[in-house]
Protein backbone atom coordinates (compact mmCIF):
# COMPACT_ATOMS: atom_id res chain seq x y z
CA MET A 1 28.11 9.60 13.95
CA SER A 2 28.33 6.45 16.03
CA THR A 3 28.45 4.04 13.08
CA ASN A 4 30.28 4.36 9.80
CA ALA A 5 27.96 4.69 6.79
CA ALA A 6 29.86 2.11 4.75
CA GLN A 7 29.46 -0.43 7.56
CA LEU A 8 25.72 0.17 7.67
CA THR A 9 25.30 -0.75 4.01
CA SER A 10 27.98 -3.44 3.67
CA ASN A 11 26.61 -5.48 6.58
CA ILE A 12 23.29 -6.02 4.78
CA ASP A 13 22.81 -9.18 2.73
CA VAL A 14 20.56 -7.82 -0.01
CA LYS A 15 19.81 -11.25 -1.47
CA ASN A 16 18.15 -12.37 1.77
CA LEU A 17 16.11 -9.25 2.37
CA ALA A 18 12.36 -9.34 2.71
CA ARG A 19 10.35 -7.92 -0.18
CA PRO A 20 10.41 -4.12 -0.46
CA LYS A 21 7.68 -2.21 1.31
CA PRO A 22 6.81 1.47 1.68
CA PHE A 23 9.33 3.25 3.90
CA VAL A 24 6.82 5.88 5.09
CA LYS A 25 3.31 5.66 6.46
CA TRP A 26 0.94 7.54 4.17
CA VAL A 27 -2.69 8.59 4.46
CA GLY A 28 -4.50 6.77 1.66
CA GLY A 29 -1.66 4.28 1.25
CA LYS A 30 -2.55 1.18 -0.79
CA ARG A 31 -0.54 -1.50 0.99
CA LYS A 32 -3.64 -3.58 1.85
CA LEU A 33 -5.12 -3.14 -1.62
CA VAL A 34 -2.00 -4.12 -3.57
CA PRO A 35 -2.99 -7.80 -4.12
CA THR A 36 -6.31 -6.67 -5.64
CA LEU A 37 -4.63 -4.06 -7.83
CA LEU A 38 -2.02 -6.52 -9.06
CA GLU A 39 -4.79 -8.80 -10.33
CA MET A 40 -6.15 -5.92 -12.44
CA ILE A 41 -2.87 -4.99 -14.12
CA PRO A 42 -2.25 -6.17 -17.70
CA GLU A 43 1.13 -6.58 -19.32
CA PHE A 44 2.67 -3.16 -19.78
CA GLY A 45 5.73 -1.34 -21.01
CA GLN A 46 6.82 1.39 -18.61
CA TYR A 47 5.23 2.23 -15.27
CA HIS A 48 4.16 5.74 -14.26
CA GLU A 49 2.83 6.80 -10.85
CA PRO A 50 2.15 10.56 -10.62
CA PHE A 51 0.91 10.58 -6.99
CA VAL A 52 3.55 8.23 -5.64
CA GLY A 53 3.01 8.92 -1.92
CA GLY A 54 4.16 5.81 -0.04
CA GLY A 55 4.54 3.90 -3.33
CA ALA A 56 2.73 0.75 -2.19
CA LEU A 57 1.78 -0.42 -5.68
CA PHE A 58 5.24 0.32 -7.08
CA PHE A 59 6.85 -1.73 -4.31
CA GLY A 60 4.24 -4.44 -4.84
CA LEU A 61 5.23 -4.62 -8.48
CA ALA A 62 8.88 -4.79 -7.46
CA ALA A 63 8.09 -7.69 -5.13
CA ALA A 64 6.35 -9.44 -8.03
CA ASP A 65 9.50 -9.00 -10.15
CA VAL A 66 7.77 -7.01 -12.88
CA THR A 67 9.64 -3.71 -12.49
CA GLY A 68 12.63 -4.64 -14.59
CA VAL A 69 11.16 -1.99 -16.89
CA TRP A 70 11.88 1.64 -16.25
CA ALA A 71 9.49 3.37 -13.82
CA ASN A 72 8.67 7.06 -13.55
CA LEU A 73 7.54 8.20 -10.10
CA SER A 74 6.44 11.74 -9.34
CA ASP A 75 4.64 13.78 -6.73
CA GLN A 76 3.86 17.41 -5.99
CA ASN A 77 5.36 17.03 -2.50
CA LEU A 78 8.97 18.15 -3.03
CA ARG A 79 10.14 16.90 0.36
CA LEU A 80 8.82 13.44 -0.44
CA ILE A 81 10.53 13.33 -3.84
CA ARG A 82 13.80 14.53 -2.31
CA THR A 83 13.46 11.70 0.21
CA TYR A 84 13.07 9.13 -2.58
CA ARG A 85 16.06 10.65 -4.40
CA ALA A 86 18.25 10.49 -1.31
CA ILE A 87 17.44 6.82 -0.73
CA ARG A 88 18.21 6.10 -4.38
CA ASP A 89 21.39 8.16 -4.62
CA ASP A 90 22.80 8.55 -1.06
CA LEU A 91 21.61 5.64 1.05
CA SER A 92 24.66 5.78 3.31
CA GLY A 93 24.02 9.42 4.14
CA VAL A 94 20.39 8.72 4.97
CA LEU A 95 21.21 5.76 7.20
CA CYS A 96 23.86 7.65 9.14
CA ARG A 97 21.54 10.56 9.84
CA LEU A 98 18.66 8.28 10.85
CA GLU A 99 20.85 6.23 13.17
CA GLU A 100 21.96 9.38 14.95
CA MET A 101 18.35 10.51 15.35
CA ALA A 102 17.29 7.06 16.57
CA SER A 103 19.99 7.04 19.24
CA GLY A 104 18.90 10.43 20.58
CA HIS A 105 15.14 10.16 20.10
CA CYS A 106 13.09 11.99 22.73
CA LYS A 107 10.36 14.60 22.94
CA GLU A 108 12.82 17.47 22.81
CA LEU A 109 14.57 16.11 19.72
CA TYR A 110 11.28 15.55 17.93
CA TYR A 111 10.18 19.17 18.25
CA GLU A 112 13.68 20.42 17.49
CA VAL A 113 13.68 18.43 14.25
CA ARG A 114 10.09 19.37 13.44
CA ASP A 115 10.86 23.07 13.74
CA GLN A 116 13.84 22.95 11.37
CA ASP A 117 13.60 24.90 8.12
CA ILE A 118 14.36 21.81 6.07
CA ASP A 119 13.87 23.31 2.61
CA GLY A 120 16.45 25.23 0.64
CA ALA A 121 20.10 24.35 0.20
CA ARG A 122 20.27 21.30 2.44
CA ALA A 123 21.32 17.96 0.99
CA ASP A 124 18.61 15.50 -0.02
CA ALA A 125 19.87 13.12 2.69
CA ASP A 126 19.07 15.78 5.32
CA VAL A 127 15.54 16.10 3.96
CA ALA A 128 15.10 12.31 3.87
CA ALA A 129 16.23 11.82 7.46
CA TRP A 130 13.97 14.68 8.59
CA PHE A 131 11.02 13.24 6.67
CA ILE A 132 11.41 9.63 7.79
CA TYR A 133 12.15 10.50 11.43
CA LEU A 134 9.04 12.67 11.78
CA ASN A 135 6.93 10.10 9.90
CA ARG A 136 8.05 7.30 12.20
CA THR A 137 7.65 9.24 15.44
CA GLY A 138 4.83 11.73 14.75
CA PHE A 139 1.23 11.18 15.78
CA ASN A 140 -0.34 8.30 13.83
CA GLY A 141 2.15 8.58 10.95
CA LEU A 142 0.45 11.68 9.57
CA TYR A 143 2.15 14.02 7.14
CA ARG A 144 0.35 17.34 7.43
CA VAL A 145 1.41 20.91 6.72
CA ASN A 146 -0.24 24.28 7.29
CA ARG A 147 -0.80 26.97 4.67
CA SER A 148 2.81 28.07 5.05
CA GLY A 149 4.08 24.57 4.37
CA ARG A 150 5.17 24.00 7.98
CA PHE A 151 4.90 20.45 9.25
CA ASN A 152 2.60 20.58 12.29
CA VAL A 153 1.96 17.02 13.51
CA PRO A 154 2.53 16.48 17.27
CA LEU A 155 4.71 13.78 18.75
CA GLY A 156 3.17 10.30 18.73
CA ARG A 157 3.19 7.72 21.50
CA TYR A 158 5.50 4.89 20.47
CA ALA A 159 7.40 2.69 22.89
CA ASN A 160 10.08 1.73 20.38
CA PRO A 161 9.66 3.36 16.95
CA ASN A 162 11.58 1.76 14.08
CA ILE A 163 13.34 4.94 12.95
CA CYS A 164 16.21 3.43 10.98
CA ASP A 165 14.96 0.37 9.10
CA GLU A 166 18.27 -0.45 7.43
CA LYS A 167 17.19 -3.62 5.67
CA ASN A 168 14.08 -2.25 4.03
CA LEU A 169 15.73 1.03 3.05
CA SER A 170 18.52 -0.93 1.38
CA LEU A 171 16.04 -2.93 -0.66
CA VAL A 172 14.15 0.25 -1.53
CA HIS A 173 17.47 1.74 -2.66
CA ARG A 174 17.99 -1.23 -4.97
CA VAL A 175 14.58 -1.10 -6.67
CA LEU A 176 14.75 2.68 -7.06
CA GLN A 177 17.75 2.31 -9.37
CA ASN A 178 15.25 1.60 -12.17
CA THR A 179 13.31 4.81 -11.59
CA GLU A 180 13.15 8.40 -12.70
CA LEU A 181 11.95 10.69 -9.90
CA ARG A 182 10.27 14.01 -10.60
CA HIS A 183 8.75 16.81 -8.56
CA GLU A 184 5.79 17.89 -10.65
CA ASN A 185 2.03 18.09 -11.02
CA PHE A 186 0.22 14.94 -12.17
CA GLU A 187 -0.32 16.49 -15.61
CA GLY A 188 3.33 15.84 -16.49
CA VAL A 189 2.57 12.17 -17.12
CA TYR A 190 0.55 13.11 -20.21
CA ASP A 191 3.72 14.08 -22.08
CA ARG A 192 5.59 10.86 -21.25
CA ALA A 193 3.22 7.89 -21.15
CA GLU A 194 3.11 5.97 -24.43
CA GLU A 195 0.92 3.25 -25.88
CA GLY A 196 1.21 0.08 -23.82
CA ASP A 197 2.49 1.85 -20.69
CA LEU A 198 0.68 1.71 -17.34
CA VAL A 199 -0.31 4.81 -15.37
CA TYR A 200 -1.63 4.46 -11.84
CA PHE A 201 -3.35 7.53 -10.39
CA ASP A 202 -3.88 7.64 -6.63
CA PRO A 203 -4.88 11.29 -6.02
CA PRO A 204 -6.10 12.93 -2.83
CA TYR A 205 -9.61 11.53 -2.57
CA VAL A 206 -12.89 13.33 -3.06
CA PRO A 207 -14.10 13.66 0.55
CA ARG A 208 -16.87 11.33 1.66
CA SER A 209 -18.35 14.07 3.86
CA PRO A 210 -17.92 17.85 4.27
CA THR A 211 -15.64 17.28 7.28
CA SER A 212 -13.48 14.44 5.94
CA SER A 213 -11.31 16.33 3.44
CA PHE A 214 -7.58 15.73 3.86
CA THR A 215 -5.53 17.44 1.16
CA SER A 216 -2.74 18.90 3.28
CA TYR A 217 0.08 16.85 1.75
CA THR A 218 1.03 20.16 0.17
CA ALA A 219 -0.17 23.59 1.18
CA ALA A 220 -2.17 23.91 -2.07
CA GLY A 221 -4.65 21.05 -1.56
CA PHE A 222 -6.55 19.31 -4.38
CA ASN A 223 -9.94 20.66 -5.46
CA LEU A 224 -12.79 19.50 -7.68
CA HIS A 225 -11.43 21.31 -10.73
CA GLU A 226 -8.24 19.28 -10.42
CA GLN A 227 -10.28 16.09 -10.05
CA GLU A 228 -11.99 16.95 -13.33
CA ARG A 229 -8.67 17.71 -15.01
CA LEU A 230 -7.33 14.38 -13.78
CA ARG A 231 -10.36 12.61 -15.29
CA ASP A 232 -9.75 14.34 -18.63
CA ILE A 233 -6.09 13.34 -18.69
CA ALA A 234 -6.96 9.74 -17.77
CA ARG A 235 -9.45 9.63 -20.65
CA ALA A 236 -6.94 11.10 -23.11
CA LEU A 237 -4.32 8.56 -22.06
CA LYS A 238 -6.77 5.71 -22.60
CA HIS A 239 -7.50 6.98 -26.10
CA ARG A 240 -3.74 6.88 -26.72
CA GLY A 241 -3.64 3.20 -25.79
CA VAL A 242 -2.16 3.68 -22.32
CA HIS A 243 -3.36 1.36 -19.56
CA VAL A 244 -4.91 3.52 -16.84
CA LEU A 245 -5.74 2.47 -13.29
CA LEU A 246 -7.13 4.96 -10.78
CA SER A 247 -8.26 4.88 -7.15
CA ASN A 248 -10.67 7.25 -5.46
CA SER A 249 -13.45 7.34 -2.88
CA ASP A 250 -16.78 5.69 -3.65
CA THR A 251 -18.90 8.82 -3.76
CA PRO A 252 -21.57 10.13 -6.16
CA ILE A 253 -19.11 12.76 -7.42
CA VAL A 254 -16.48 10.17 -8.38
CA ARG A 255 -19.05 7.87 -9.98
CA GLU A 256 -20.33 10.79 -12.05
CA LEU A 257 -16.81 11.89 -13.02
CA TYR A 258 -15.98 8.47 -14.46
CA SER A 259 -19.43 7.49 -15.72
CA GLU A 260 -18.47 7.75 -19.39
CA GLY A 261 -15.62 5.84 -21.00
CA PHE A 262 -14.47 4.02 -17.85
CA ASP A 263 -15.17 0.84 -15.94
CA MET A 264 -15.16 0.78 -12.16
CA GLU A 265 -15.30 -1.67 -9.28
CA GLN A 266 -16.04 -1.13 -5.62
CA VAL A 267 -13.44 -2.43 -3.17
CA PHE A 268 -13.15 -2.15 0.59
CA MET A 269 -9.97 -0.67 1.97
CA GLY A 270 -8.86 -0.76 5.59
CA ARG A 271 -7.61 2.57 6.90
CA ALA A 272 -5.04 2.53 9.68
CA ILE A 273 -4.01 6.21 9.45
CA ASN A 274 -6.55 8.84 10.35
CA SER A 275 -6.55 11.69 12.83
CA ARG A 276 -9.70 10.22 14.39
CA ALA A 277 -10.32 6.61 15.41
CA SER A 278 -13.79 6.78 13.84
CA GLY A 279 -12.16 7.33 10.46
CA ARG A 280 -10.28 4.03 10.53
CA GLY A 281 -11.51 0.63 9.43
CA ALA A 282 -12.82 -0.71 6.12
CA VAL A 283 -14.42 1.88 3.83
CA PRO A 284 -15.68 1.53 0.23
CA GLU A 285 -13.46 2.84 -2.54
CA LEU A 286 -13.53 2.72 -6.32
CA VAL A 287 -10.93 1.32 -8.66
CA VAL A 288 -11.40 2.83 -12.12
CA TRP A 289 -9.88 1.72 -15.42
């Protein structure tokens, strides 16, 4: 390693850092919608986000200084959760690995890293560096896997990718100290959320057209039956007195799913990450509560 891990972290003045922001690009990320979502959030006890993805709303809450309460973040993507854990628990290890990758970044290194069997007994910091490096240098920031769970995004065209964002990762590390991180299905939140808590659901969206489905965050995908199960859990949580907020596409299916017992509002969300240029730009979505 060309730089000592302790130096990487000790040279950062945390008090003067910018506000935390998502450390990965994520299809369906809510960074542009966060101000709107924040206006819809009531006072709450604990925060739960079962499809954490890039965590835009969680980091938006942290920036607004309302995450002094304990937060529970979860996702079915084990590599993503291991990345969050590594940033929370082994920031120095993550920074050292990313700095080494940044110094040697090239086409050959990208495909060498992409082809690694990253699962198994490796340390979480190895998984985090693998995940962040590929996210920052892969085509259009996509995270996509095949049926075997192999990451298959080609190299992107970036003149100077920001592979090791030390300052933001350090602030992310700080706000993650108030979190519990779990690898699990979204249904796990039902057993934890209590009256007065806030649950934000941001699932893989119901496709707007037969060709627009993108559920390859995990090899399993997310089908209509799971959308219905999610609706049922959201309704049960509301009956318990839990504050529920949910995002999905503005489609007849979603409007029908949440037609009873929920309110909804159409919003327009800019999309910067899509495999096709025609899929980017402002599109209508629904916020349900």
